[in-house]
């Protein structure tokens, strides 16, 4: 019963907060645009799985 309750709490957003990674540092001009694209791509599970498999 406890496991079910914890799963429900996580689904509705009442569970413990996940640790989120720190963003990339912007060095120079227009790097923020590149960093935002890299950070978005890093959150695509299919892409991350395939890149990890070939690395």
N, C-alpha and C. Protein backbone atom coordinates (compact mmCIF):
# COMPACT_ATOMS: atom_id res chain seq x y z
N UNK A 1 0.83 -1.20 0.00
CA UNK A 1 0.00 0.00 0.00
C UNK A 1 0.86 1.26 0.00
N UNK A 2 1.97 1.22 0.75
CA UNK A 2 2.84 2.39 0.83
C UNK A 2 3.45 2.71 -0.53
N UNK A 3 3.88 1.68 -1.25
CA UNK A 3 4.47 1.90 -2.57
C UNK A 3 3.47 2.53 -3.52
N UNK A 4 2.23 2.05 -3.49
CA UNK A 4 1.18 2.63 -4.32
C UNK A 4 0.96 4.10 -3.97
N UNK A 5 0.92 4.41 -2.68
CA UNK A 5 0.72 5.79 -2.22
C UNK A 5 1.86 6.69 -2.70
N UNK A 6 3.10 6.21 -2.61
CA UNK A 6 4.24 7.00 -3.07
C UNK A 6 4.18 7.24 -4.57
N UNK A 7 3.77 6.23 -5.34
CA UNK A 7 3.66 6.40 -6.79
C UNK A 7 2.60 7.44 -7.13
N UNK A 8 1.46 7.38 -6.44
CA UNK A 8 0.40 8.35 -6.69
C UNK A 8 0.87 9.75 -6.32
N UNK A 9 1.57 9.89 -5.20
CA UNK A 9 2.07 11.21 -4.79
C UNK A 9 3.04 11.77 -5.81
N UNK A 10 3.90 10.91 -6.37
CA UNK A 10 4.84 11.36 -7.40
C UNK A 10 4.10 11.79 -8.66
N UNK A 11 3.08 11.04 -9.04
CA UNK A 11 2.32 11.36 -10.26
C UNK A 11 1.63 12.71 -10.14
N UNK A 12 1.07 13.01 -8.98
CA UNK A 12 0.35 14.29 -8.83
C UNK A 12 1.26 15.42 -8.36
N UNK A 13 2.56 15.15 -8.26
CA UNK A 13 3.50 16.21 -7.95
C UNK A 13 3.72 16.48 -6.47
N UNK A 14 3.35 15.56 -5.60
CA UNK A 14 3.53 15.76 -4.17
C UNK A 14 4.71 14.97 -3.61
N UNK A 15 5.41 14.25 -4.48
CA UNK A 15 6.55 13.45 -4.04
C UNK A 15 7.79 14.32 -3.89
N UNK A 16 8.90 13.69 -3.55
CA UNK A 16 10.15 14.44 -3.41
C UNK A 16 10.56 15.06 -4.73
N UNK A 17 11.15 16.24 -4.66
CA UNK A 17 11.57 16.94 -5.87
C UNK A 17 12.79 16.26 -6.47
N UNK A 18 12.78 16.04 -7.78
CA UNK A 18 13.96 15.44 -8.40
C UNK A 18 15.09 16.46 -8.46
N UNK A 19 16.31 15.96 -8.38
CA UNK A 19 17.48 16.84 -8.49
C UNK A 19 17.66 17.16 -9.96
N UNK A 20 17.71 18.42 -10.27
CA UNK A 20 17.87 18.83 -11.66
C UNK A 20 19.31 19.28 -11.90
N UNK A 21 19.84 18.97 -13.08
CA UNK A 21 21.21 19.37 -13.37
C UNK A 21 21.33 20.88 -13.53
N UNK A 22 22.51 21.37 -13.29
CA UNK A 22 22.80 22.79 -13.46
C UNK A 22 22.94 23.07 -14.95
N UNK A 23 22.48 24.23 -15.38
CA UNK A 23 22.59 24.60 -16.79
C UNK A 23 24.02 24.88 -17.20
N UNK A 24 24.24 24.98 -18.50
CA UNK A 24 25.57 25.28 -19.02
C UNK A 24 25.89 26.76 -18.83
N UNK A 25 27.17 27.06 -18.70
CA UNK A 25 27.62 28.44 -18.52
C UNK A 25 27.76 29.10 -19.88
N UNK A 26 27.30 30.34 -19.99
CA UNK A 26 27.40 31.07 -21.25
C UNK A 26 28.70 31.88 -21.28
N UNK A 27 29.55 31.54 -22.24
CA UNK A 27 30.80 32.27 -22.43
C UNK A 27 30.74 32.96 -23.79
N UNK A 28 30.71 34.27 -23.80
CA UNK A 28 30.75 35.00 -25.05
C UNK A 28 29.40 35.20 -25.70
N UNK A 29 29.46 35.70 -26.93
CA UNK A 29 28.25 36.07 -27.67
C UNK A 29 27.59 34.85 -28.29
N UNK A 30 26.28 34.84 -28.26
CA UNK A 30 25.44 33.83 -28.90
C UNK A 30 25.66 32.40 -28.40
N UNK A 31 26.45 32.23 -27.36
CA UNK A 31 26.64 30.89 -26.81
C UNK A 31 25.38 30.42 -26.11
N UNK A 32 24.58 31.36 -25.60
CA UNK A 32 23.35 30.98 -24.90
C UNK A 32 22.41 30.22 -25.83
N UNK A 33 22.37 30.59 -27.11
CA UNK A 33 21.51 29.89 -28.06
C UNK A 33 21.99 28.45 -28.27
N UNK A 34 23.31 28.27 -28.41
CA UNK A 34 23.87 26.94 -28.57
C UNK A 34 23.63 26.11 -27.30
N UNK A 35 23.83 26.71 -26.14
CA UNK A 35 23.63 26.01 -24.88
C UNK A 35 22.18 25.56 -24.71
N UNK A 36 21.25 26.41 -25.11
CA UNK A 36 19.83 26.04 -24.97
C UNK A 36 19.49 24.85 -25.88
N UNK A 37 20.07 24.81 -27.07
CA UNK A 37 19.83 23.69 -27.98
C UNK A 37 20.44 22.41 -27.42
N UNK A 38 21.67 22.50 -26.90
CA UNK A 38 22.33 21.33 -26.32
C UNK A 38 21.53 20.80 -25.14
N UNK A 39 21.05 21.70 -24.29
CA UNK A 39 20.29 21.27 -23.12
C UNK A 39 18.95 20.63 -23.52
N UNK A 40 18.32 21.15 -24.56
CA UNK A 40 17.07 20.54 -25.05
C UNK A 40 17.33 19.15 -25.62
N UNK A 41 18.38 19.02 -26.42
CA UNK A 41 18.71 17.72 -27.01
C UNK A 41 19.09 16.70 -25.95
N UNK A 42 19.72 17.17 -24.87
CA UNK A 42 20.13 16.27 -23.79
C UNK A 42 18.94 15.69 -23.04
N UNK A 43 17.76 16.27 -23.21
CA UNK A 43 16.56 15.79 -22.53
C UNK A 43 15.70 14.88 -23.43
N UNK A 44 16.17 14.59 -24.64
CA UNK A 44 15.44 13.70 -25.55
C UNK A 44 15.94 12.27 -25.30
N UNK A 45 15.13 11.44 -24.66
CA UNK A 45 15.59 10.10 -24.27
C UNK A 45 16.12 9.26 -25.44
N UNK A 46 15.43 9.28 -26.58
CA UNK A 46 15.86 8.49 -27.73
C UNK A 46 17.26 8.89 -28.18
N UNK A 47 17.52 10.18 -28.25
CA UNK A 47 18.82 10.68 -28.69
C UNK A 47 19.91 10.32 -27.69
N UNK A 48 19.63 10.51 -26.41
CA UNK A 48 20.61 10.21 -25.37
C UNK A 48 20.95 8.73 -25.36
N UNK A 49 19.94 7.87 -25.48
CA UNK A 49 20.17 6.42 -25.48
C UNK A 49 21.05 6.00 -26.65
N UNK A 50 20.78 6.54 -27.83
CA UNK A 50 21.56 6.16 -29.01
C UNK A 50 22.97 6.71 -28.98
N UNK A 51 23.14 7.93 -28.50
CA UNK A 51 24.49 8.49 -28.40
C UNK A 51 25.31 7.77 -27.34
N UNK A 52 24.65 7.38 -26.26
CA UNK A 52 25.35 6.63 -25.21
C UNK A 52 25.76 5.25 -25.71
N UNK A 53 24.93 4.65 -26.54
CA UNK A 53 25.23 3.32 -27.07
C UNK A 53 26.44 3.33 -28.00
N UNK A 54 26.64 4.41 -28.74
CA UNK A 54 27.77 4.44 -29.69
C UNK A 54 29.01 5.10 -29.10
N UNK A 55 28.90 5.64 -27.90
CA UNK A 55 30.05 6.32 -27.28
C UNK A 55 31.02 5.34 -26.69
